C-alpha cells in the first residue's frame, strides 16, 4: 500500500528537512545542497537558508561568500560524481 505524506513546500517541515539535509551532508566544507532551493518571488533562497549558512557547522561568513557561489559549488560537486 502506498502512503502519501503531504508536505507543503512553504511549510515549516520543508525548512526542517533542508536544514537537516545540510547539517548531515556537511561538516563545514561541503557545499550546501539547500542553495538549490530558491523562492520564485525573489529568485533567492529563503531567509532561513542564510541563517543556517552563518551558524555551526557551516560558518559561511566570509566577505566573498554568496549563495550563488554556494550553488555553483553544489553543481561542481555533483558533476564530479
N, C-alpha and C. Protein backbone atom coordinates (compact mmCIF):
# COMPACT_ATOMS: atom_id res chain seq x y z
N UNK A 1 0.83 -1.17 0.00
CA UNK A 1 0.00 0.00 0.00
C UNK A 1 0.88 1.25 0.00
N UNK A 2 0.57 2.16 -0.85
CA UNK A 2 1.34 3.40 -0.96
C UNK A 2 0.71 4.46 -0.05
N UNK A 3 1.55 5.09 0.75
CA UNK A 3 1.08 6.14 1.64
C UNK A 3 1.62 7.48 1.16
N UNK A 4 0.77 8.43 1.10
CA UNK A 4 1.21 9.77 0.73
C UNK A 4 1.42 10.61 1.96
N UNK A 5 2.43 11.42 1.92
CA UNK A 5 2.69 12.35 3.01
C UNK A 5 2.68 13.74 2.42
N UNK A 6 1.74 14.52 2.89
CA UNK A 6 1.62 15.87 2.35
C UNK A 6 2.56 16.81 3.11
N UNK A 7 3.50 17.36 2.38
CA UNK A 7 4.43 18.33 2.94
C UNK A 7 4.36 19.55 2.04
N UNK A 8 3.85 20.64 2.59
CA UNK A 8 3.71 21.85 1.80
C UNK A 8 5.08 22.48 1.60
N UNK A 9 5.36 22.90 0.39
CA UNK A 9 6.68 23.45 0.07
C UNK A 9 6.97 24.75 0.81
N UNK A 10 5.97 25.41 1.33
CA UNK A 10 6.21 26.64 2.11
C UNK A 10 6.10 26.39 3.61
N UNK A 11 5.85 25.17 3.98
CA UNK A 11 5.64 24.87 5.39
C UNK A 11 6.92 24.72 6.19
N UNK A 12 6.79 24.67 7.50
CA UNK A 12 7.96 24.54 8.37
C UNK A 12 8.68 23.21 8.21
N UNK A 13 7.97 22.18 7.79
CA UNK A 13 8.61 20.87 7.60
C UNK A 13 9.65 20.95 6.50
N UNK A 14 9.36 21.66 5.44
CA UNK A 14 10.33 21.80 4.35
C UNK A 14 11.60 22.47 4.85
N UNK A 15 11.46 23.52 5.64
CA UNK A 15 12.63 24.19 6.20
C UNK A 15 13.44 23.24 7.07
N UNK A 16 12.76 22.45 7.88
CA UNK A 16 13.46 21.49 8.75
C UNK A 16 14.17 20.42 7.93
N UNK A 17 13.54 19.96 6.86
CA UNK A 17 14.17 18.94 6.00
C UNK A 17 15.43 19.49 5.33
N UNK A 18 15.37 20.71 4.82
CA UNK A 18 16.54 21.32 4.19
C UNK A 18 17.65 21.55 5.21
N UNK A 19 17.27 22.00 6.40
CA UNK A 19 18.23 22.22 7.47
C UNK A 19 18.94 20.92 7.83
N UNK A 20 18.17 19.87 8.04
CA UNK A 20 18.73 18.57 8.41
C UNK A 20 19.63 18.02 7.30
N UNK A 21 19.20 18.15 6.07
CA UNK A 21 20.00 17.67 4.94
C UNK A 21 21.35 18.37 4.90
N UNK A 22 21.35 19.68 5.06
CA UNK A 22 22.61 20.43 5.02
C UNK A 22 23.52 20.02 6.17
N UNK A 23 22.97 19.87 7.35
CA UNK A 23 23.79 19.53 8.51
C UNK A 23 24.36 18.11 8.41
N UNK A 24 23.57 17.18 7.91
CA UNK A 24 24.05 15.80 7.79
C UNK A 24 25.06 15.64 6.66
N UNK A 25 24.86 16.37 5.59
CA UNK A 25 25.73 16.26 4.42
C UNK A 25 26.99 17.08 4.57
N UNK A 26 27.01 17.95 5.56
CA UNK A 26 28.06 18.95 5.61
C UNK A 26 28.80 18.94 6.93
N UNK A 27 30.09 18.97 6.84
CA UNK A 27 30.92 19.09 8.03
C UNK A 27 31.69 20.41 7.98
N UNK A 28 31.07 21.38 7.36
CA UNK A 28 31.67 22.69 7.25
C UNK A 28 32.37 22.95 5.93
N UNK A 29 32.63 21.91 5.16
CA UNK A 29 33.38 22.07 3.92
C UNK A 29 32.57 21.81 2.66
N UNK A 30 31.63 20.91 2.74
CA UNK A 30 30.83 20.55 1.56
C UNK A 30 29.84 21.67 1.24
N UNK A 31 29.51 21.86 -0.03
CA UNK A 31 28.55 22.91 -0.39
C UNK A 31 27.15 22.57 0.12
N UNK A 32 26.40 23.61 0.41
CA UNK A 32 25.06 23.46 0.96
C UNK A 32 24.05 23.10 -0.12
N UNK A 33 23.49 21.92 -0.04
CA UNK A 33 22.50 21.49 -1.03
C UNK A 33 21.29 22.40 -1.08
N UNK A 34 20.94 22.99 0.05
CA UNK A 34 19.75 23.84 0.07
C UNK A 34 19.92 25.12 -0.73
N UNK A 35 21.13 25.40 -1.22
CA UNK A 35 21.32 26.59 -2.07
C UNK A 35 20.60 26.42 -3.40
N UNK A 36 20.18 25.20 -3.71
CA UNK A 36 19.45 24.94 -4.95
C UNK A 36 17.98 25.32 -4.86
N UNK A 37 17.49 25.48 -3.63
CA UNK A 37 16.06 25.77 -3.42
C UNK A 37 15.88 27.28 -3.29
N UNK A 38 15.28 27.87 -4.30
CA UNK A 38 15.09 29.32 -4.30
C UNK A 38 13.61 29.65 -4.36
N UNK A 39 13.29 30.84 -3.90
CA UNK A 39 11.91 31.32 -3.92
C UNK A 39 11.59 31.91 -5.29
N UNK A 40 10.47 31.53 -5.81
CA UNK A 40 10.06 32.01 -7.12
C UNK A 40 9.91 33.54 -7.13
N UNK A 41 9.37 34.09 -6.05
CA UNK A 41 9.10 35.52 -5.98
C UNK A 41 10.37 36.37 -5.97
N UNK A 42 11.43 35.87 -5.34
CA UNK A 42 12.64 36.68 -5.19
C UNK A 42 13.81 36.18 -6.03
N UNK A 43 13.78 34.91 -6.43
CA UNK A 43 14.89 34.33 -7.17
C UNK A 43 16.09 34.03 -6.28
N UNK A 44 15.87 34.04 -4.94
CA UNK A 44 16.92 33.75 -3.96
C UNK A 44 16.39 32.76 -2.93
N UNK A 45 17.28 32.13 -2.16
CA UNK A 45 16.84 31.26 -1.09
C UNK A 45 16.10 32.06 -0.02
N UNK A 46 15.33 31.35 0.80
CA UNK A 46 14.61 31.97 1.91
C UNK A 46 15.58 32.42 3.00
N UNK A 47 15.11 33.27 3.87
CA UNK A 47 15.92 33.79 4.95
C UNK A 47 16.52 32.71 5.83
N UNK A 48 15.80 31.62 6.03
CA UNK A 48 16.30 30.52 6.87
C UNK A 48 17.59 29.94 6.29
N UNK A 49 17.73 29.93 4.98
CA UNK A 49 18.96 29.45 4.35
C UNK A 49 20.15 30.26 4.83
N UNK A 50 20.01 31.57 4.86
CA UNK A 50 21.11 32.44 5.25
C UNK A 50 21.42 32.32 6.74
N UNK A 51 20.40 32.10 7.56
CA UNK A 51 20.61 31.85 8.99
C UNK A 51 21.43 30.58 9.18
N UNK A 52 21.04 29.52 8.48
CA UNK A 52 21.75 28.25 8.56
C UNK A 52 23.19 28.41 8.08
N UNK A 53 23.37 29.14 7.01
CA UNK A 53 24.72 29.31 6.44
C UNK A 53 25.68 29.98 7.42
N UNK A 54 25.19 30.90 8.22
CA UNK A 54 26.05 31.63 9.14
C UNK A 54 26.39 30.85 10.40
N UNK A 55 25.56 29.86 10.76
CA UNK A 55 25.75 29.14 12.01
C UNK A 55 26.60 27.89 11.89
N UNK A 56 26.78 27.23 13.03
CA UNK A 56 27.55 25.98 13.09
C UNK A 56 26.78 24.88 12.38
N UNK A 57 27.42 23.97 11.70
CA UNK A 57 28.85 23.84 11.46
C UNK A 57 29.31 24.50 10.16
N UNK A 58 28.44 25.30 9.56
CA UNK A 58 28.72 25.80 8.20
C UNK A 58 29.57 27.06 8.17
N UNK A 59 29.26 28.03 9.00
CA UNK A 59 30.05 29.27 9.12
C UNK A 59 30.38 29.94 7.80
N UNK A 60 29.36 30.18 7.01
CA UNK A 60 29.56 30.88 5.74
C UNK A 60 29.47 32.39 6.00
N UNK A 61 30.58 32.96 6.47
CA UNK A 61 30.56 34.37 6.85
C UNK A 61 31.61 35.20 6.12
N UNK A 62 32.37 34.61 5.22
CA UNK A 62 33.42 35.34 4.51
C UNK A 62 32.85 36.44 3.63
N UNK A 63 33.63 37.47 3.44
CA UNK A 63 33.19 38.62 2.63
C UNK A 63 32.91 38.21 1.18
N UNK A 64 33.58 37.18 0.68
CA UNK A 64 33.40 36.75 -0.70
C UNK A 64 32.31 35.69 -0.87
N UNK A 65 31.71 35.25 0.23
CA UNK A 65 30.70 34.20 0.15
C UNK A 65 29.39 34.76 -0.38
N UNK A 66 28.74 33.98 -1.23
CA UNK A 66 27.40 34.32 -1.70
C UNK A 66 26.66 33.02 -1.96
N UNK A 67 25.34 33.08 -1.95
CA UNK A 67 24.58 31.86 -2.19
C UNK A 67 24.78 31.41 -3.64
N UNK A 68 25.02 32.35 -4.55
CA UNK A 68 25.26 31.97 -5.94
C UNK A 68 26.54 31.13 -6.06
N UNK A 69 27.58 31.53 -5.34
CA UNK A 69 28.82 30.74 -5.35
C UNK A 69 28.61 29.39 -4.69
N UNK A 70 27.81 29.39 -3.63
CA UNK A 70 27.50 28.13 -2.95
C UNK A 70 26.78 27.18 -3.92
N UNK A 71 25.82 27.73 -4.65
CA UNK A 71 25.08 26.94 -5.64
C UNK A 71 26.02 26.40 -6.72
N UNK A 72 26.95 27.23 -7.19
CA UNK A 72 27.92 26.80 -8.20
C UNK A 72 28.78 25.65 -7.67
N UNK A 73 29.12 25.70 -6.39
CA UNK A 73 29.90 24.63 -5.77
C UNK A 73 29.11 23.33 -5.71
N UNK A 74 27.79 23.43 -5.46
CA UNK A 74 26.95 22.24 -5.47
C UNK A 74 26.95 21.62 -6.85
N UNK A 75 26.75 22.44 -7.88
CA UNK A 75 26.76 21.93 -9.26
C UNK A 75 28.09 21.28 -9.60
N UNK A 76 29.18 21.92 -9.21
CA UNK A 76 30.51 21.37 -9.49
C UNK A 76 30.71 20.04 -8.77
N UNK A 77 30.28 19.97 -7.53
CA UNK A 77 30.43 18.73 -6.76
C UNK A 77 29.63 17.60 -7.40
N UNK A 78 28.42 17.91 -7.81
CA UNK A 78 27.58 16.87 -8.41
C UNK A 78 28.07 16.44 -9.77
N UNK A 79 28.69 17.32 -10.52
CA UNK A 79 29.19 16.95 -11.85
C UNK A 79 30.45 16.09 -11.77
N UNK A 80 31.12 16.09 -10.61
CA UNK A 80 32.31 15.27 -10.43
C UNK A 80 31.96 13.80 -10.24
N UNK A 81 30.75 13.54 -9.80
CA UNK A 81 30.35 12.16 -9.47
C UNK A 81 29.94 11.37 -10.66
